[in-house]
Amino acid sequence: MIDTLVIVDDPTSDLTLAVGPEPLQVALNEDILAGYGVTAERDRADAAFIRALAASGGRIEVITEDRSAEGPEENLDFADGLAAIVRRPGAGQY
């Protein structure tokens, strides 16, 4: 599970993911979800991640293009405009 998603605000992004009817049903392509018996469609990646985070209690940090090039965040360069901090499982859950 993702604790915090850091996303660059890019309204021109054309990245998409396969999504099912449930918010946590997100995959790179429709075949992956079909393997679980889920009928999928394509949606913008940022929208799919935001829905999944809202359903799982994750947090979202939006970085504007302006902010990504100055201040303490300087030199941020996320692949496809995304980065994630993953939740660590509790003791004994490895």
N, C-alpha and C. Protein backbone atom coordinates (compact mmCIF):
# COMPACT_ATOMS: atom_id res chain seq x y z
N MET A 1 0.84 -1.19 0.00
CA MET A 1 0.00 0.00 0.00
C MET A 1 0.88 1.24 0.00
N ILE A 2 0.38 2.27 -0.64
CA ILE A 2 1.10 3.55 -0.69
C ILE A 2 0.65 4.42 0.47
N ASP A 3 1.62 4.96 1.22
CA ASP A 3 1.32 5.89 2.29
C ASP A 3 1.11 7.28 1.71
N THR A 4 2.06 7.74 0.89
CA THR A 4 1.98 9.07 0.29
C THR A 4 2.37 9.00 -1.18
N LEU A 5 1.54 9.55 -2.03
CA LEU A 5 1.85 9.67 -3.45
C LEU A 5 2.25 11.12 -3.71
N VAL A 6 3.41 11.29 -4.31
CA VAL A 6 3.86 12.62 -4.72
C VAL A 6 3.66 12.68 -6.22
N ILE A 7 2.89 13.65 -6.66
CA ILE A 7 2.52 13.74 -8.07
C ILE A 7 2.77 15.15 -8.58
N VAL A 8 3.36 15.24 -9.75
CA VAL A 8 3.57 16.54 -10.38
C VAL A 8 2.27 16.90 -11.10
N ASP A 9 1.76 18.09 -10.82
CA ASP A 9 0.52 18.56 -11.43
C ASP A 9 0.79 18.85 -12.91
N ASP A 10 0.32 17.96 -13.77
CA ASP A 10 0.53 18.11 -15.21
C ASP A 10 -0.77 17.81 -15.94
N PRO A 11 -1.58 18.83 -16.18
CA PRO A 11 -2.87 18.60 -16.84
C PRO A 11 -2.73 18.08 -18.28
N THR A 12 -1.53 18.14 -18.84
CA THR A 12 -1.34 17.65 -20.21
C THR A 12 -0.90 16.18 -20.24
N SER A 13 -0.74 15.56 -19.08
CA SER A 13 -0.29 14.17 -19.04
C SER A 13 -1.26 13.27 -19.81
N ASP A 14 -0.68 12.37 -20.60
CA ASP A 14 -1.51 11.41 -21.32
C ASP A 14 -1.29 9.98 -20.82
N LEU A 15 -0.71 9.86 -19.62
CA LEU A 15 -0.49 8.53 -19.03
C LEU A 15 -1.83 7.95 -18.60
N THR A 16 -2.05 6.69 -18.94
CA THR A 16 -3.29 6.02 -18.54
C THR A 16 -2.98 4.68 -17.90
N LEU A 17 -3.94 4.19 -17.14
CA LEU A 17 -3.87 2.88 -16.50
C LEU A 17 -5.19 2.16 -16.71
N ALA A 18 -5.17 0.87 -16.53
CA ALA A 18 -6.40 0.09 -16.55
C ALA A 18 -7.03 0.17 -15.17
N VAL A 19 -8.33 0.42 -15.13
CA VAL A 19 -9.04 0.50 -13.85
C VAL A 19 -10.30 -0.34 -13.91
N GLY A 20 -10.61 -0.95 -12.77
CA GLY A 20 -11.85 -1.70 -12.64
C GLY A 20 -12.89 -0.85 -11.93
N PRO A 21 -14.05 -1.42 -11.63
CA PRO A 21 -15.10 -0.66 -10.98
C PRO A 21 -14.80 -0.29 -9.52
N GLU A 22 -13.91 -1.04 -8.87
CA GLU A 22 -13.53 -0.73 -7.49
C GLU A 22 -12.29 0.16 -7.49
N PRO A 23 -12.18 1.11 -6.56
CA PRO A 23 -11.07 2.07 -6.59
C PRO A 23 -9.67 1.45 -6.50
N LEU A 24 -9.53 0.30 -5.86
CA LEU A 24 -8.21 -0.31 -5.72
C LEU A 24 -7.86 -1.24 -6.88
N GLN A 25 -8.73 -1.34 -7.85
CA GLN A 25 -8.46 -2.18 -9.02
C GLN A 25 -7.76 -1.33 -10.08
N VAL A 26 -6.43 -1.28 -9.99
CA VAL A 26 -5.60 -0.47 -10.87
C VAL A 26 -4.46 -1.34 -11.39
N ALA A 27 -4.19 -1.29 -12.68
CA ALA A 27 -3.13 -2.09 -13.27
C ALA A 27 -2.56 -1.39 -14.50
N LEU A 28 -1.42 -1.88 -14.95
CA LEU A 28 -0.79 -1.31 -16.15
C LEU A 28 -1.61 -1.58 -17.40
N ASN A 29 -2.26 -2.75 -17.46
CA ASN A 29 -3.07 -3.04 -18.64
C ASN A 29 -4.28 -3.87 -18.25
N GLU A 30 -5.22 -3.94 -19.18
CA GLU A 30 -6.49 -4.61 -18.94
C GLU A 30 -6.31 -6.11 -18.69
N ASP A 31 -5.31 -6.72 -19.33
CA ASP A 31 -5.10 -8.16 -19.17
C ASP A 31 -4.81 -8.56 -17.73
N ILE A 32 -4.10 -7.71 -17.02
CA ILE A 32 -3.79 -8.01 -15.61
C ILE A 32 -5.07 -8.10 -14.80
N LEU A 33 -5.96 -7.13 -14.96
CA LEU A 33 -7.21 -7.16 -14.21
C LEU A 33 -8.13 -8.28 -14.71
N ALA A 34 -8.09 -8.55 -16.01
CA ALA A 34 -8.91 -9.64 -16.56
C ALA A 34 -8.52 -10.97 -15.92
N GLY A 35 -7.25 -11.13 -15.57
CA GLY A 35 -6.79 -12.34 -14.89
C GLY A 35 -7.46 -12.53 -13.54
N TYR A 36 -7.99 -11.46 -12.97
CA TYR A 36 -8.71 -11.52 -11.69
C TYR A 36 -10.23 -11.48 -11.91
N GLY A 37 -10.64 -11.59 -13.17
CA GLY A 37 -12.07 -11.57 -13.47
C GLY A 37 -12.67 -10.18 -13.47
N VAL A 38 -11.84 -9.15 -13.62
CA VAL A 38 -12.31 -7.76 -13.56
C VAL A 38 -12.34 -7.18 -14.97
N THR A 39 -13.46 -6.61 -15.35
CA THR A 39 -13.57 -5.89 -16.62
C THR A 39 -13.03 -4.49 -16.40
N ALA A 40 -12.06 -4.10 -17.22
CA ALA A 40 -11.36 -2.83 -17.01
C ALA A 40 -11.56 -1.89 -18.18
N GLU A 41 -11.30 -0.63 -17.91
CA GLU A 41 -11.26 0.41 -18.94
C GLU A 41 -10.05 1.28 -18.66
N ARG A 42 -9.69 2.16 -19.57
CA ARG A 42 -8.55 3.05 -19.40
C ARG A 42 -9.01 4.34 -18.73
N ASP A 43 -8.14 4.88 -17.87
CA ASP A 43 -8.39 6.18 -17.24
C ASP A 43 -7.05 6.86 -17.04
N ARG A 44 -7.09 8.17 -16.85
CA ARG A 44 -5.85 8.91 -16.58
C ARG A 44 -5.19 8.32 -15.34
N ALA A 45 -3.87 8.19 -15.40
CA ALA A 45 -3.12 7.60 -14.28
C ALA A 45 -3.30 8.41 -13.01
N ASP A 46 -3.23 9.73 -13.11
CA ASP A 46 -3.36 10.54 -11.89
C ASP A 46 -4.72 10.35 -11.25
N ALA A 47 -5.77 10.29 -12.04
CA ALA A 47 -7.12 10.09 -11.50
C ALA A 47 -7.25 8.71 -10.86
N ALA A 48 -6.69 7.69 -11.50
CA ALA A 48 -6.76 6.32 -10.95
C ALA A 48 -6.04 6.24 -9.61
N PHE A 49 -4.85 6.85 -9.53
CA PHE A 49 -4.10 6.82 -8.27
C PHE A 49 -4.81 7.61 -7.18
N ILE A 50 -5.38 8.75 -7.50
CA ILE A 50 -6.07 9.55 -6.49
C ILE A 50 -7.28 8.79 -5.94
N ARG A 51 -8.05 8.13 -6.81
CA ARG A 51 -9.19 7.31 -6.35
C ARG A 51 -8.71 6.20 -5.41
N ALA A 52 -7.64 5.51 -5.81
CA ALA A 52 -7.13 4.40 -4.99
C ALA A 52 -6.63 4.89 -3.64
N LEU A 53 -5.95 6.02 -3.63
CA LEU A 53 -5.45 6.56 -2.36
C LEU A 53 -6.59 7.00 -1.45
N ALA A 54 -7.61 7.62 -2.02
CA ALA A 54 -8.75 8.04 -1.21
C ALA A 54 -9.42 6.82 -0.57
N ALA A 55 -9.50 5.72 -1.32
CA ALA A 55 -10.14 4.50 -0.79
C ALA A 55 -9.28 3.78 0.24
N SER A 56 -7.96 3.96 0.16
CA SER A 56 -7.08 3.22 1.07
C SER A 56 -6.54 4.06 2.22
N GLY A 57 -6.92 5.33 2.27
CA GLY A 57 -6.47 6.19 3.35
C GLY A 57 -5.08 6.77 3.13
N GLY A 58 -4.59 6.71 1.89
CA GLY A 58 -3.28 7.28 1.58
C GLY A 58 -3.33 8.79 1.46
N ARG A 59 -2.16 9.40 1.40
CA ARG A 59 -2.06 10.85 1.28
C ARG A 59 -1.51 11.21 -0.10
N ILE A 60 -1.81 12.44 -0.51
CA ILE A 60 -1.35 12.93 -1.80
C ILE A 60 -0.65 14.26 -1.60
N GLU A 61 0.52 14.40 -2.18
CA GLU A 61 1.27 15.66 -2.19
C GLU A 61 1.39 16.06 -3.65
N VAL A 62 0.78 17.19 -4.01
CA VAL A 62 0.84 17.67 -5.38
C VAL A 62 1.93 18.72 -5.49
N ILE A 63 2.80 18.53 -6.46
CA ILE A 63 3.88 19.48 -6.70
C ILE A 63 3.63 20.13 -8.05
N THR A 64 3.62 21.44 -8.07
CA THR A 64 3.43 22.14 -9.33
C THR A 64 4.73 22.17 -10.09
N GLU A 65 4.66 22.38 -11.37
CA GLU A 65 5.86 22.47 -12.20
C GLU A 65 6.80 23.54 -11.65
N ASP A 66 6.25 24.67 -11.19
CA ASP A 66 7.07 25.76 -10.67
C ASP A 66 7.85 25.31 -9.44
N ARG A 67 7.19 24.60 -8.53
CA ARG A 67 7.82 24.18 -7.29
C ARG A 67 8.86 23.10 -7.49
N SER A 68 8.74 22.33 -8.58
CA SER A 68 9.67 21.22 -8.77
C SER A 68 11.06 21.69 -9.17
N ALA A 69 11.23 22.98 -9.45
CA ALA A 69 12.52 23.47 -9.92
C ALA A 69 13.17 24.48 -8.97
N GLU A 70 12.63 24.65 -7.77
CA GLU A 70 13.21 25.63 -6.85
C GLU A 70 13.04 25.19 -5.40
N GLY A 71 13.71 25.86 -4.51
CA GLY A 71 13.58 25.58 -3.08
C GLY A 71 14.16 24.23 -2.72
N PRO A 72 13.77 23.69 -1.54
CA PRO A 72 14.34 22.43 -1.08
C PRO A 72 14.01 21.25 -1.99
N GLU A 73 13.00 21.41 -2.83
CA GLU A 73 12.62 20.33 -3.74
C GLU A 73 13.43 20.36 -5.02
N GLU A 74 14.42 21.27 -5.11
CA GLU A 74 15.15 21.39 -6.36
C GLU A 74 15.78 20.06 -6.75
N ASN A 75 15.89 19.85 -8.02
CA ASN A 75 16.41 18.62 -8.62
C ASN A 75 15.44 17.45 -8.51
N LEU A 76 14.18 17.70 -8.19
CA LEU A 76 13.21 16.61 -8.21
C LEU A 76 12.94 16.25 -9.66
N ASP A 77 13.02 15.00 -9.97
CA ASP A 77 12.75 14.53 -11.31
C ASP A 77 12.12 13.15 -11.20
N PHE A 78 10.80 13.12 -11.10
CA PHE A 78 10.08 11.87 -10.94
C PHE A 78 9.79 11.26 -12.29
N ALA A 79 10.02 9.98 -12.43
CA ALA A 79 9.66 9.28 -13.65
C ALA A 79 8.17 9.41 -13.87
N ASP A 80 7.78 9.89 -15.00
CA ASP A 80 6.37 10.07 -15.36
C ASP A 80 5.61 10.96 -14.38
N GLY A 81 6.33 11.78 -13.60
CA GLY A 81 5.68 12.72 -12.69
C GLY A 81 5.13 12.11 -11.42
N LEU A 82 5.57 10.90 -11.06
CA LEU A 82 5.04 10.21 -9.87
C LEU A 82 6.17 9.68 -9.00
N ALA A 83 5.94 9.70 -7.70
CA ALA A 83 6.81 9.04 -6.73
C ALA A 83 5.91 8.58 -5.58
N ALA A 84 6.31 7.53 -4.88
CA ALA A 84 5.48 7.01 -3.80
C ALA A 84 6.31 6.64 -2.60
N ILE A 85 5.73 6.85 -1.43
CA ILE A 85 6.28 6.37 -0.18
C ILE A 85 5.41 5.19 0.22
N VAL A 86 6.01 4.03 0.36
CA VAL A 86 5.26 2.80 0.59
C VAL A 86 5.12 2.55 2.08
N ARG A 87 3.95 2.10 2.49
CA ARG A 87 3.70 1.75 3.89
C ARG A 87 4.50 0.53 4.26
N ARG A 88 5.09 0.56 5.42
CA ARG A 88 5.83 -0.60 5.94
C ARG A 88 4.88 -1.47 6.73
N PRO A 89 4.88 -2.78 6.44
CA PRO A 89 3.99 -3.66 7.22
C PRO A 89 4.42 -3.70 8.68
N GLY A 90 3.49 -3.97 9.55
CA GLY A 90 3.79 -4.07 10.97
C GLY A 90 4.66 -5.27 11.28
N ALA A 91 5.18 -5.33 12.49
CA ALA A 91 6.04 -6.43 12.91
C ALA A 91 5.34 -7.75 12.71
N GLY A 92 6.07 -8.71 12.18
CA GLY A 92 5.52 -10.06 11.97
C GLY A 92 4.68 -10.21 10.71
N GLN A 93 4.61 -9.18 9.89
CA GLN A 93 3.80 -9.25 8.67
C GLN A 93 4.66 -9.33 7.42
N TYR A 94 5.83 -9.92 7.51
CA TYR A 94 6.72 -10.00 6.35
C TYR A 94 6.43 -11.20 5.52
